[in-house]
Amino acid sequence: MKTVKTLSWLVVLLGVWEFIAAFILGYSAKAGALWDAIILGIALVILAGWAALSNQAATIKSLSWVNTILGVWLVLAPFILGYTKLAGALWNDIIVGIVVAVLSVWAANTKTA
């Protein structure tokens, strides 16, 4: 259970980073990239935080799979929403998305009992 909670807390930190990245990396003027970062950052913080605080294996597993989907979305978002020319947003989302997906799959597949 400790490993799953640690992985979930790492995803929470990535969610916080995703939320503030648009302002730090300077792409807050592009509405699509900004709102994607804000919405996904908040979603990751809430869902991964819920998983980290939960003691129910089924809840943790379900939330981890949802976070995996959000990680995949982060990788695809620059191409779908059209902000591939913003290098900071593009690479931030690809890197954060891959790390979120990997950590979330790991958490979803770790035995909690």
N, C-alpha and C. Protein backbone atom coordinates (compact mmCIF):
# COMPACT_ATOMS: atom_id res chain seq x y z
N MET A 1 0.83 -1.20 0.00
CA MET A 1 0.00 0.00 0.00
C MET A 1 0.87 1.26 0.00
N LYS A 2 2.00 1.20 0.69
CA LYS A 2 2.88 2.37 0.79
C LYS A 2 3.39 2.79 -0.60
N THR A 3 3.75 1.82 -1.43
CA THR A 3 4.25 2.12 -2.77
C THR A 3 3.19 2.84 -3.60
N VAL A 4 1.95 2.34 -3.53
CA VAL A 4 0.85 2.94 -4.29
C VAL A 4 0.61 4.37 -3.84
N LYS A 5 0.64 4.58 -2.55
CA LYS A 5 0.42 5.93 -2.02
C LYS A 5 1.56 6.87 -2.45
N THR A 6 2.78 6.39 -2.42
CA THR A 6 3.92 7.20 -2.86
C THR A 6 3.78 7.56 -4.33
N LEU A 7 3.41 6.59 -5.15
CA LEU A 7 3.21 6.86 -6.58
C LEU A 7 2.10 7.89 -6.79
N SER A 8 1.03 7.77 -6.02
CA SER A 8 -0.08 8.72 -6.15
C SER A 8 0.34 10.11 -5.73
N TRP A 9 1.13 10.22 -4.66
CA TRP A 9 1.61 11.54 -4.24
C TRP A 9 2.54 12.16 -5.29
N LEU A 10 3.31 11.34 -5.97
CA LEU A 10 4.15 11.86 -7.06
C LEU A 10 3.29 12.41 -8.19
N VAL A 11 2.19 11.74 -8.48
CA VAL A 11 1.27 12.24 -9.50
C VAL A 11 0.61 13.54 -9.04
N VAL A 12 0.33 13.67 -7.75
CA VAL A 12 -0.20 14.94 -7.22
C VAL A 12 0.80 16.06 -7.51
N LEU A 13 2.07 15.81 -7.23
CA LEU A 13 3.10 16.83 -7.48
C LEU A 13 3.18 17.19 -8.96
N LEU A 14 3.05 16.19 -9.82
CA LEU A 14 3.04 16.47 -11.27
C LEU A 14 1.81 17.28 -11.65
N GLY A 15 0.70 17.04 -10.99
CA GLY A 15 -0.51 17.83 -11.24
C GLY A 15 -0.32 19.29 -10.84
N VAL A 16 0.33 19.50 -9.70
CA VAL A 16 0.63 20.88 -9.27
C VAL A 16 1.54 21.54 -10.30
N TRP A 17 2.58 20.81 -10.73
CA TRP A 17 3.48 21.36 -11.75
C TRP A 17 2.71 21.69 -13.03
N GLU A 18 1.86 20.78 -13.48
CA GLU A 18 1.10 21.01 -14.71
C GLU A 18 0.26 22.27 -14.58
N PHE A 19 -0.34 22.48 -13.43
CA PHE A 19 -1.17 23.65 -13.19
C PHE A 19 -0.38 24.96 -13.31
N ILE A 20 0.84 24.98 -12.77
CA ILE A 20 1.62 26.22 -12.78
C ILE A 20 2.57 26.34 -13.97
N ALA A 21 2.75 25.27 -14.72
CA ALA A 21 3.73 25.26 -15.81
C ALA A 21 3.49 26.33 -16.86
N ALA A 22 2.23 26.57 -17.20
CA ALA A 22 1.94 27.56 -18.24
C ALA A 22 2.47 28.94 -17.86
N PHE A 23 2.44 29.26 -16.60
CA PHE A 23 2.91 30.56 -16.14
C PHE A 23 4.43 30.59 -16.03
N ILE A 24 5.01 29.50 -15.57
CA ILE A 24 6.46 29.45 -15.40
C ILE A 24 7.17 29.32 -16.74
N LEU A 25 6.62 28.49 -17.63
CA LEU A 25 7.25 28.27 -18.92
C LEU A 25 6.83 29.29 -19.99
N GLY A 26 5.90 30.15 -19.64
CA GLY A 26 5.56 31.28 -20.51
C GLY A 26 4.62 31.00 -21.67
N TYR A 27 3.72 30.06 -21.52
CA TYR A 27 2.76 29.84 -22.59
C TYR A 27 1.32 30.12 -22.14
N SER A 28 1.17 30.96 -21.15
CA SER A 28 -0.15 31.27 -20.63
C SER A 28 -0.98 32.13 -21.57
N ALA A 29 -0.37 32.72 -22.58
CA ALA A 29 -1.12 33.55 -23.54
C ALA A 29 -1.89 32.70 -24.55
N LYS A 30 -1.54 31.45 -24.70
CA LYS A 30 -2.23 30.55 -25.64
C LYS A 30 -3.35 29.84 -24.87
N ALA A 31 -4.59 30.23 -25.16
CA ALA A 31 -5.74 29.76 -24.39
C ALA A 31 -5.85 28.24 -24.31
N GLY A 32 -5.68 27.55 -25.43
CA GLY A 32 -5.82 26.09 -25.42
C GLY A 32 -4.82 25.42 -24.51
N ALA A 33 -3.57 25.84 -24.61
CA ALA A 33 -2.51 25.26 -23.78
C ALA A 33 -2.72 25.62 -22.31
N LEU A 34 -3.11 26.85 -22.06
CA LEU A 34 -3.33 27.31 -20.68
C LEU A 34 -4.44 26.53 -20.01
N TRP A 35 -5.60 26.47 -20.66
CA TRP A 35 -6.74 25.80 -20.03
C TRP A 35 -6.54 24.30 -19.91
N ASP A 36 -5.85 23.72 -20.88
CA ASP A 36 -5.54 22.31 -20.77
C ASP A 36 -4.65 22.07 -19.55
N ALA A 37 -3.64 22.91 -19.35
CA ALA A 37 -2.74 22.76 -18.20
C ALA A 37 -3.50 22.96 -16.89
N ILE A 38 -4.36 23.95 -16.83
CA ILE A 38 -5.10 24.23 -15.60
C ILE A 38 -6.06 23.08 -15.28
N ILE A 39 -6.86 22.68 -16.26
CA ILE A 39 -7.86 21.64 -16.03
C ILE A 39 -7.21 20.30 -15.70
N LEU A 40 -6.18 19.93 -16.47
CA LEU A 40 -5.51 18.65 -16.21
C LEU A 40 -4.75 18.69 -14.90
N GLY A 41 -4.13 19.81 -14.58
CA GLY A 41 -3.43 19.93 -13.31
C GLY A 41 -4.37 19.74 -12.13
N ILE A 42 -5.52 20.40 -12.18
CA ILE A 42 -6.50 20.27 -11.10
C ILE A 42 -7.02 18.84 -11.02
N ALA A 43 -7.33 18.25 -12.17
CA ALA A 43 -7.85 16.88 -12.19
C ALA A 43 -6.83 15.90 -11.61
N LEU A 44 -5.58 16.05 -11.99
CA LEU A 44 -4.54 15.15 -11.46
C LEU A 44 -4.38 15.31 -9.95
N VAL A 45 -4.39 16.54 -9.48
CA VAL A 45 -4.26 16.77 -8.03
C VAL A 45 -5.43 16.14 -7.28
N ILE A 46 -6.64 16.34 -7.77
CA ILE A 46 -7.81 15.80 -7.07
C ILE A 46 -7.83 14.27 -7.12
N LEU A 47 -7.67 13.71 -8.31
CA LEU A 47 -7.79 12.26 -8.45
C LEU A 47 -6.63 11.51 -7.80
N ALA A 48 -5.41 11.99 -8.01
CA ALA A 48 -4.26 11.32 -7.39
C ALA A 48 -4.26 11.54 -5.88
N GLY A 49 -4.69 12.71 -5.44
CA GLY A 49 -4.80 12.96 -4.00
C GLY A 49 -5.82 12.05 -3.36
N TRP A 50 -6.94 11.85 -4.04
CA TRP A 50 -7.98 10.94 -3.57
C TRP A 50 -7.41 9.52 -3.46
N ALA A 51 -6.68 9.10 -4.50
CA ALA A 51 -6.07 7.76 -4.47
C ALA A 51 -5.05 7.64 -3.34
N ALA A 52 -4.27 8.69 -3.13
CA ALA A 52 -3.24 8.65 -2.09
C ALA A 52 -3.85 8.59 -0.69
N LEU A 53 -5.01 9.17 -0.53
CA LEU A 53 -5.65 9.20 0.79
C LEU A 53 -6.60 8.03 1.02
N SER A 54 -6.93 7.30 -0.03
CA SER A 54 -7.88 6.19 0.08
C SER A 54 -7.21 4.95 0.65
N ASN A 55 -8.00 4.16 1.33
CA ASN A 55 -7.53 2.87 1.84
C ASN A 55 -8.21 1.70 1.14
N GLN A 56 -9.01 2.00 0.13
CA GLN A 56 -9.74 0.96 -0.59
C GLN A 56 -9.03 0.65 -1.90
N ALA A 57 -8.61 -0.59 -2.05
CA ALA A 57 -7.83 -1.01 -3.22
C ALA A 57 -8.56 -0.74 -4.53
N ALA A 58 -9.85 -1.00 -4.58
CA ALA A 58 -10.61 -0.80 -5.82
C ALA A 58 -10.65 0.67 -6.22
N THR A 59 -10.79 1.54 -5.24
CA THR A 59 -10.81 2.98 -5.51
C THR A 59 -9.46 3.44 -6.03
N ILE A 60 -8.40 3.01 -5.38
CA ILE A 60 -7.05 3.40 -5.80
C ILE A 60 -6.78 2.92 -7.21
N LYS A 61 -7.14 1.67 -7.50
CA LYS A 61 -6.91 1.11 -8.83
C LYS A 61 -7.69 1.88 -9.90
N SER A 62 -8.96 2.16 -9.63
CA SER A 62 -9.79 2.89 -10.59
C SER A 62 -9.25 4.30 -10.85
N LEU A 63 -8.91 4.99 -9.77
CA LEU A 63 -8.39 6.35 -9.92
C LEU A 63 -7.05 6.35 -10.65
N SER A 64 -6.24 5.34 -10.40
CA SER A 64 -4.95 5.24 -11.09
C SER A 64 -5.16 5.03 -12.59
N TRP A 65 -6.15 4.23 -12.97
CA TRP A 65 -6.43 4.05 -14.40
C TRP A 65 -6.95 5.33 -15.03
N VAL A 66 -7.76 6.09 -14.30
CA VAL A 66 -8.23 7.38 -14.83
C VAL A 66 -7.04 8.32 -15.02
N ASN A 67 -6.12 8.33 -14.05
CA ASN A 67 -4.93 9.17 -14.19
C ASN A 67 -4.06 8.72 -15.36
N THR A 68 -4.04 7.43 -15.64
CA THR A 68 -3.31 6.94 -16.82
C THR A 68 -3.89 7.56 -18.08
N ILE A 69 -5.21 7.58 -18.17
CA ILE A 69 -5.88 8.18 -19.33
C ILE A 69 -5.55 9.66 -19.43
N LEU A 70 -5.53 10.35 -18.29
CA LEU A 70 -5.17 11.78 -18.30
C LEU A 70 -3.72 11.98 -18.75
N GLY A 71 -2.84 11.07 -18.36
CA GLY A 71 -1.45 11.14 -18.81
C GLY A 71 -1.35 10.97 -20.32
N VAL A 72 -2.09 10.03 -20.86
CA VAL A 72 -2.11 9.83 -22.32
C VAL A 72 -2.67 11.06 -23.00
N TRP A 73 -3.73 11.64 -22.42
CA TRP A 73 -4.30 12.87 -22.99
C TRP A 73 -3.24 13.98 -23.03
N LEU A 74 -2.46 14.11 -21.97
CA LEU A 74 -1.43 15.15 -21.94
C LEU A 74 -0.45 14.99 -23.11
N VAL A 75 -0.10 13.76 -23.43
CA VAL A 75 0.82 13.52 -24.56
C VAL A 75 0.16 13.92 -25.87
N LEU A 76 -1.13 13.64 -26.02
CA LEU A 76 -1.84 13.91 -27.27
C LEU A 76 -2.36 15.34 -27.41
N ALA A 77 -2.59 16.01 -26.29
CA ALA A 77 -3.23 17.33 -26.28
C ALA A 77 -2.57 18.37 -27.19
N PRO A 78 -1.25 18.51 -27.21
CA PRO A 78 -0.67 19.54 -28.08
C PRO A 78 -1.01 19.33 -29.55
N PHE A 79 -1.14 18.09 -29.96
CA PHE A 79 -1.45 17.78 -31.35
C PHE A 79 -2.94 17.97 -31.64
N ILE A 80 -3.78 17.59 -30.70
CA ILE A 80 -5.22 17.70 -30.88
C ILE A 80 -5.68 19.15 -30.74
N LEU A 81 -5.13 19.86 -29.75
CA LEU A 81 -5.55 21.24 -29.49
C LEU A 81 -4.75 22.27 -30.28
N GLY A 82 -3.72 21.82 -30.99
CA GLY A 82 -3.00 22.70 -31.90
C GLY A 82 -1.99 23.64 -31.30
N TYR A 83 -1.28 23.22 -30.29
CA TYR A 83 -0.23 24.09 -29.76
C TYR A 83 1.15 23.44 -29.83
N THR A 84 1.39 22.74 -30.91
CA THR A 84 2.70 22.08 -31.09
C THR A 84 3.82 23.08 -31.36
N LYS A 85 3.49 24.29 -31.79
CA LYS A 85 4.53 25.29 -32.06
C LYS A 85 5.04 25.95 -30.78
N LEU A 86 4.37 25.71 -29.68
CA LEU A 86 4.82 26.22 -28.39
C LEU A 86 5.69 25.14 -27.75
N ALA A 87 6.99 25.23 -27.97
CA ALA A 87 7.91 24.18 -27.54
C ALA A 87 7.80 23.88 -26.05
N GLY A 88 7.67 24.90 -25.23
CA GLY A 88 7.57 24.69 -23.78
C GLY A 88 6.34 23.88 -23.42
N ALA A 89 5.22 24.24 -23.99
CA ALA A 89 3.97 23.52 -23.72
C ALA A 89 4.03 22.11 -24.29
N LEU A 90 4.53 21.98 -25.51
CA LEU A 90 4.62 20.69 -26.18
C LEU A 90 5.43 19.70 -25.35
N TRP A 91 6.67 20.07 -25.03
CA TRP A 91 7.56 19.13 -24.33
C TRP A 91 7.16 18.94 -22.88
N ASN A 92 6.64 19.97 -22.25
CA ASN A 92 6.16 19.80 -20.88
C ASN A 92 5.04 18.77 -20.85
N ASP A 93 4.06 18.91 -21.74
CA ASP A 93 2.94 17.99 -21.73
C ASP A 93 3.35 16.57 -22.10
N ILE A 94 4.25 16.43 -23.05
CA ILE A 94 4.71 15.09 -23.43
C ILE A 94 5.44 14.42 -22.26
N ILE A 95 6.37 15.15 -21.64
CA ILE A 95 7.14 14.57 -20.54
C ILE A 95 6.27 14.29 -19.32
N VAL A 96 5.47 15.27 -18.92
CA VAL A 96 4.60 15.08 -17.76
C VAL A 96 3.59 13.96 -18.05
N GLY A 97 3.04 13.95 -19.24
CA GLY A 97 2.07 12.91 -19.60
C GLY A 97 2.65 11.51 -19.54
N ILE A 98 3.85 11.34 -20.05
CA ILE A 98 4.49 10.02 -20.01
C ILE A 98 4.76 9.61 -18.57
N VAL A 99 5.29 10.52 -17.77
CA VAL A 99 5.60 10.19 -16.38
C VAL A 99 4.32 9.87 -15.60
N VAL A 100 3.27 10.67 -15.80
CA VAL A 100 1.99 10.40 -15.13
C VAL A 100 1.46 9.04 -15.54
N ALA A 101 1.49 8.74 -16.83
CA ALA A 101 0.98 7.46 -17.31
C ALA A 101 1.76 6.29 -16.71
N VAL A 102 3.08 6.39 -16.71
CA VAL A 102 3.92 5.31 -16.17
C VAL A 102 3.65 5.12 -14.67
N LEU A 103 3.66 6.21 -13.91
CA LEU A 103 3.42 6.10 -12.47
C LEU A 103 2.03 5.56 -12.17
N SER A 104 1.05 5.98 -12.95
CA SER A 104 -0.33 5.56 -12.71
C SER A 104 -0.55 4.09 -13.08
N VAL A 105 0.06 3.64 -14.17
CA VAL A 105 -0.03 2.22 -14.52
C VAL A 105 0.65 1.39 -13.44
N TRP A 106 1.78 1.85 -12.98
CA TRP A 106 2.51 1.17 -11.91
C TRP A 106 1.62 1.07 -10.66
N ALA A 107 0.99 2.19 -10.28
CA ALA A 107 0.13 2.20 -9.10
C ALA A 107 -1.08 1.27 -9.31
N ALA A 108 -1.67 1.29 -10.48
CA ALA A 108 -2.84 0.46 -10.76
C ALA A 108 -2.51 -1.03 -10.72
N ASN A 109 -1.29 -1.39 -11.04
CA ASN A 109 -0.90 -2.79 -11.10
C ASN A 109 -0.14 -3.29 -9.87
N THR A 110 0.00 -2.43 -8.86
CA THR A 110 0.66 -2.82 -7.62
C THR A 110 -0.36 -3.38 -6.64
N LYS A 111 -0.05 -4.52 -6.08
CA LYS A 111 -0.96 -5.11 -5.09
C LYS A 111 -0.98 -4.23 -3.85
N THR A 112 -2.20 -3.95 -3.36
CA THR A 112 -2.35 -3.05 -2.22
C THR A 112 -2.64 -3.80 -0.93
N ALA A 113 -2.86 -5.06 -1.00
CA ALA A 113 -3.20 -5.81 0.23
C ALA A 113 -2.02 -6.63 0.71
